[in-house]
N, C-alpha and C. Protein backbone atom coordinates (compact mmCIF):
# COMPACT_ATOMS: atom_id res chain seq x y z
N UNK A 1 59.01 -52.72 32.50
CA UNK A 1 59.41 -52.86 33.87
C UNK A 1 59.99 -51.53 34.36
N UNK A 2 59.57 -51.09 35.53
CA UNK A 2 60.04 -49.84 36.07
C UNK A 2 61.46 -49.99 36.61
N UNK A 3 62.26 -48.96 36.35
CA UNK A 3 63.62 -48.90 36.87
C UNK A 3 63.72 -47.71 37.79
N UNK A 4 64.68 -47.75 38.69
CA UNK A 4 64.91 -46.64 39.61
C UNK A 4 66.04 -45.76 39.08
N UNK A 5 65.83 -44.45 39.17
CA UNK A 5 66.82 -43.48 38.74
C UNK A 5 66.99 -42.43 39.82
N UNK A 6 68.22 -42.05 40.09
CA UNK A 6 68.48 -41.00 41.07
C UNK A 6 68.66 -39.68 40.32
N UNK A 7 67.91 -38.68 40.78
CA UNK A 7 68.02 -37.33 40.23
C UNK A 7 68.15 -36.35 41.38
N UNK A 8 68.53 -35.15 41.05
CA UNK A 8 68.64 -34.10 42.06
C UNK A 8 67.80 -32.91 41.60
N UNK A 9 66.86 -32.53 42.46
CA UNK A 9 66.01 -31.39 42.18
C UNK A 9 66.04 -30.48 43.40
N UNK A 10 66.39 -29.23 43.17
CA UNK A 10 66.52 -28.26 44.26
C UNK A 10 67.49 -28.78 45.33
N UNK A 11 68.57 -29.35 44.84
CA UNK A 11 69.62 -29.93 45.70
C UNK A 11 69.11 -31.05 46.60
N UNK A 12 68.02 -31.66 46.23
CA UNK A 12 67.46 -32.81 46.94
C UNK A 12 67.64 -34.03 46.06
N UNK A 13 68.30 -35.04 46.58
CA UNK A 13 68.42 -36.27 45.81
C UNK A 13 67.12 -37.06 45.95
N UNK A 14 66.61 -37.48 44.80
CA UNK A 14 65.36 -38.24 44.76
C UNK A 14 65.57 -39.49 43.93
N UNK A 15 64.88 -40.55 44.28
CA UNK A 15 64.89 -41.76 43.48
C UNK A 15 63.52 -41.87 42.83
N UNK A 16 63.52 -41.85 41.50
CA UNK A 16 62.28 -41.94 40.73
C UNK A 16 62.18 -43.32 40.10
N UNK A 17 60.99 -43.86 40.08
CA UNK A 17 60.75 -45.12 39.39
C UNK A 17 59.96 -44.82 38.13
N UNK A 18 60.46 -45.34 37.02
CA UNK A 18 59.83 -45.05 35.74
C UNK A 18 60.10 -46.15 34.75
N UNK A 19 59.19 -46.31 33.80
CA UNK A 19 59.40 -47.23 32.70
C UNK A 19 60.18 -46.56 31.57
N UNK A 20 60.32 -45.24 31.67
CA UNK A 20 61.06 -44.49 30.65
C UNK A 20 62.55 -44.76 30.79
N UNK A 21 63.29 -44.44 29.72
CA UNK A 21 64.73 -44.65 29.80
C UNK A 21 65.39 -43.54 30.63
N UNK A 22 66.63 -43.78 31.01
CA UNK A 22 67.35 -42.88 31.90
C UNK A 22 67.47 -41.46 31.31
N UNK A 23 67.73 -41.38 30.03
CA UNK A 23 67.88 -40.08 29.38
C UNK A 23 66.60 -39.25 29.52
N UNK A 24 65.47 -39.89 29.32
CA UNK A 24 64.19 -39.19 29.44
C UNK A 24 63.95 -38.73 30.88
N UNK A 25 64.22 -39.59 31.84
CA UNK A 25 64.02 -39.25 33.26
C UNK A 25 64.87 -38.04 33.63
N UNK A 26 66.12 -38.02 33.17
CA UNK A 26 66.99 -36.88 33.47
C UNK A 26 66.54 -35.62 32.72
N UNK A 27 65.97 -35.80 31.56
CA UNK A 27 65.42 -34.66 30.81
C UNK A 27 64.27 -34.03 31.60
N UNK A 28 63.42 -34.86 32.16
CA UNK A 28 62.30 -34.38 32.97
C UNK A 28 62.84 -33.66 34.22
N UNK A 29 63.81 -34.27 34.89
CA UNK A 29 64.39 -33.66 36.08
C UNK A 29 65.04 -32.32 35.74
N UNK A 30 65.71 -32.25 34.61
CA UNK A 30 66.34 -31.00 34.18
C UNK A 30 65.29 -29.92 33.92
N UNK A 31 64.18 -30.33 33.32
CA UNK A 31 63.08 -29.40 33.08
C UNK A 31 62.55 -28.83 34.39
N UNK A 32 62.33 -29.71 35.36
CA UNK A 32 61.83 -29.28 36.67
C UNK A 32 62.85 -28.36 37.34
N UNK A 33 64.13 -28.72 37.29
CA UNK A 33 65.16 -27.86 37.88
C UNK A 33 65.17 -26.48 37.23
N UNK A 34 65.02 -26.44 35.92
CA UNK A 34 64.98 -25.16 35.21
C UNK A 34 63.83 -24.31 35.73
N UNK A 35 62.66 -24.92 35.86
CA UNK A 35 61.49 -24.20 36.36
C UNK A 35 61.72 -23.72 37.80
N UNK A 36 62.32 -24.57 38.63
CA UNK A 36 62.60 -24.22 40.03
C UNK A 36 63.52 -23.00 40.07
N UNK A 37 64.57 -23.02 39.27
CA UNK A 37 65.53 -21.92 39.29
C UNK A 37 64.93 -20.63 38.71
N UNK A 38 63.98 -20.75 37.80
CA UNK A 38 63.27 -19.56 37.31
C UNK A 38 62.48 -18.92 38.46
N UNK A 39 61.83 -19.74 39.27
CA UNK A 39 61.08 -19.24 40.42
C UNK A 39 62.02 -18.58 41.42
N UNK A 40 63.11 -19.25 41.73
CA UNK A 40 64.07 -18.71 42.70
C UNK A 40 64.60 -17.36 42.22
N UNK A 41 64.88 -17.24 40.94
CA UNK A 41 65.43 -16.00 40.39
C UNK A 41 64.41 -14.85 40.41
N UNK A 42 63.13 -15.19 40.42
CA UNK A 42 62.09 -14.17 40.32
C UNK A 42 61.30 -13.94 41.60
N UNK A 43 61.68 -14.58 42.69
CA UNK A 43 60.96 -14.38 43.95
C UNK A 43 61.96 -14.18 45.08
N UNK A 44 61.46 -13.72 46.19
CA UNK A 44 62.30 -13.57 47.38
C UNK A 44 62.07 -14.73 48.34
N UNK A 45 61.28 -15.68 47.93
CA UNK A 45 60.97 -16.83 48.78
C UNK A 45 62.22 -17.67 49.02
N UNK A 46 62.45 -18.03 50.27
CA UNK A 46 63.58 -18.89 50.60
C UNK A 46 63.11 -20.28 51.02
N UNK A 47 61.83 -20.43 51.18
CA UNK A 47 61.28 -21.72 51.59
C UNK A 47 61.25 -22.69 50.42
N UNK A 48 61.84 -23.85 50.60
CA UNK A 48 61.82 -24.88 49.56
C UNK A 48 60.39 -25.27 49.20
N UNK A 49 59.55 -25.35 50.22
CA UNK A 49 58.15 -25.71 49.97
C UNK A 49 57.46 -24.66 49.10
N UNK A 50 57.67 -23.39 49.41
CA UNK A 50 57.07 -22.32 48.61
C UNK A 50 57.56 -22.38 47.16
N UNK A 51 58.85 -22.60 46.99
CA UNK A 51 59.42 -22.69 45.65
C UNK A 51 58.82 -23.88 44.91
N UNK A 52 58.69 -25.01 45.59
CA UNK A 52 58.11 -26.20 44.96
C UNK A 52 56.66 -25.97 44.56
N UNK A 53 55.90 -25.31 45.43
CA UNK A 53 54.49 -25.04 45.13
C UNK A 53 54.36 -24.07 43.96
N UNK A 54 55.17 -23.02 43.96
CA UNK A 54 55.13 -22.06 42.85
C UNK A 54 55.55 -22.72 41.54
N UNK A 55 56.52 -23.60 41.61
CA UNK A 55 56.94 -24.33 40.41
C UNK A 55 55.80 -25.21 39.90
N UNK A 56 55.16 -25.93 40.80
CA UNK A 56 54.03 -26.79 40.41
C UNK A 56 52.91 -25.96 39.78
N UNK A 57 52.64 -24.79 40.34
CA UNK A 57 51.60 -23.92 39.78
C UNK A 57 51.98 -23.44 38.38
N UNK A 58 53.24 -23.09 38.18
CA UNK A 58 53.68 -22.64 36.85
C UNK A 58 53.59 -23.76 35.83
N UNK A 59 54.00 -24.96 36.20
CA UNK A 59 53.91 -26.11 35.29
C UNK A 59 52.44 -26.41 34.98
N UNK A 60 51.59 -26.37 36.01
CA UNK A 60 50.16 -26.60 35.80
C UNK A 60 49.57 -25.53 34.88
N UNK A 61 49.98 -24.28 35.05
CA UNK A 61 49.52 -23.20 34.19
C UNK A 61 49.92 -23.47 32.74
N UNK A 62 51.17 -23.85 32.52
CA UNK A 62 51.63 -24.20 31.17
C UNK A 62 50.79 -25.34 30.59
N UNK A 63 50.54 -26.34 31.42
CA UNK A 63 49.75 -27.50 31.00
C UNK A 63 48.34 -27.08 30.55
N UNK A 64 47.66 -26.30 31.38
CA UNK A 64 46.30 -25.90 31.04
C UNK A 64 46.25 -24.98 29.82
N UNK A 65 47.23 -24.10 29.69
CA UNK A 65 47.28 -23.23 28.50
C UNK A 65 47.47 -24.07 27.24
N UNK A 66 48.37 -25.04 27.29
CA UNK A 66 48.58 -25.90 26.12
C UNK A 66 47.36 -26.76 25.83
N UNK A 67 46.71 -27.22 26.87
CA UNK A 67 45.50 -28.02 26.68
C UNK A 67 44.42 -27.21 25.99
N UNK A 68 44.28 -25.96 26.41
CA UNK A 68 43.28 -25.09 25.80
C UNK A 68 43.64 -24.80 24.34
N UNK A 69 44.92 -24.53 24.06
CA UNK A 69 45.35 -24.30 22.68
C UNK A 69 45.11 -25.54 21.83
N UNK A 70 45.32 -26.71 22.43
CA UNK A 70 45.11 -27.96 21.72
C UNK A 70 43.64 -28.12 21.32
N UNK A 71 42.76 -27.73 22.21
CA UNK A 71 41.33 -27.80 21.91
C UNK A 71 40.97 -26.85 20.78
N UNK A 72 41.71 -25.76 20.66
CA UNK A 72 41.44 -24.77 19.63
C UNK A 72 42.16 -25.11 18.32
N UNK A 73 42.93 -26.19 18.32
CA UNK A 73 43.59 -26.63 17.11
C UNK A 73 44.88 -25.88 16.81
N UNK A 74 45.53 -25.36 17.82
CA UNK A 74 46.79 -24.65 17.61
C UNK A 74 47.85 -25.60 17.06
N UNK A 75 48.54 -25.20 16.00
CA UNK A 75 49.57 -26.07 15.42
C UNK A 75 50.69 -26.36 16.42
N UNK A 76 51.01 -27.62 16.57
CA UNK A 76 52.10 -28.02 17.45
C UNK A 76 51.71 -28.14 18.91
N UNK A 77 50.55 -27.63 19.28
CA UNK A 77 50.14 -27.65 20.69
C UNK A 77 49.88 -29.07 21.18
N UNK A 78 49.30 -29.90 20.33
CA UNK A 78 49.01 -31.28 20.75
C UNK A 78 50.31 -32.02 21.09
N UNK A 79 51.33 -31.81 20.29
CA UNK A 79 52.63 -32.45 20.56
C UNK A 79 53.21 -31.96 21.88
N UNK A 80 53.15 -30.66 22.11
CA UNK A 80 53.66 -30.08 23.36
C UNK A 80 52.85 -30.59 24.55
N UNK A 81 51.55 -30.66 24.37
CA UNK A 81 50.68 -31.13 25.43
C UNK A 81 50.99 -32.58 25.79
N UNK A 82 51.17 -33.42 24.79
CA UNK A 82 51.50 -34.82 25.05
C UNK A 82 52.83 -34.93 25.79
N UNK A 83 53.77 -34.08 25.47
CA UNK A 83 55.07 -34.08 26.13
C UNK A 83 54.92 -33.70 27.60
N UNK A 84 54.12 -32.68 27.87
CA UNK A 84 53.90 -32.26 29.26
C UNK A 84 53.14 -33.31 30.04
N UNK A 85 52.14 -33.93 29.42
CA UNK A 85 51.38 -34.99 30.08
C UNK A 85 52.31 -36.15 30.43
N UNK A 86 53.18 -36.53 29.51
CA UNK A 86 54.13 -37.61 29.77
C UNK A 86 55.06 -37.23 30.91
N UNK A 87 55.48 -35.98 30.95
CA UNK A 87 56.36 -35.50 32.01
C UNK A 87 55.66 -35.60 33.36
N UNK A 88 54.43 -35.15 33.43
CA UNK A 88 53.67 -35.19 34.68
C UNK A 88 53.40 -36.64 35.08
N UNK A 89 52.99 -37.47 34.12
CA UNK A 89 52.72 -38.88 34.41
C UNK A 89 53.96 -39.58 34.95
N UNK A 90 55.12 -39.26 34.40
CA UNK A 90 56.34 -39.93 34.86
C UNK A 90 56.69 -39.52 36.29
N UNK A 91 56.27 -38.33 36.69
CA UNK A 91 56.58 -37.85 38.04
C UNK A 91 55.63 -38.42 39.08
N UNK A 92 54.39 -38.66 38.68
CA UNK A 92 53.40 -39.14 39.66
C UNK A 92 53.17 -40.64 39.55
N UNK A 93 53.62 -41.23 38.46
CA UNK A 93 53.37 -42.64 38.24
C UNK A 93 54.52 -43.43 38.71
């Protein structure tokens, strides 16, 4: 059964629905916040939308790189890939 959890990303309060436990949901939100703050620290963009898009592109880049490594049989890549897929699924599901 899906539960609702409140998280804050880029100082925006969001309510996420997930079947995962609260600790996992907050772990995902913390990961996204970390990525957002990396973008903010490395760009001059002040637009929240631009920061969100750049963050999504960086996460997608990580995802595709891990997927490719997984296909090549890189040790540990499959585990990392599954973790990223679960993270993405929890955000869109």
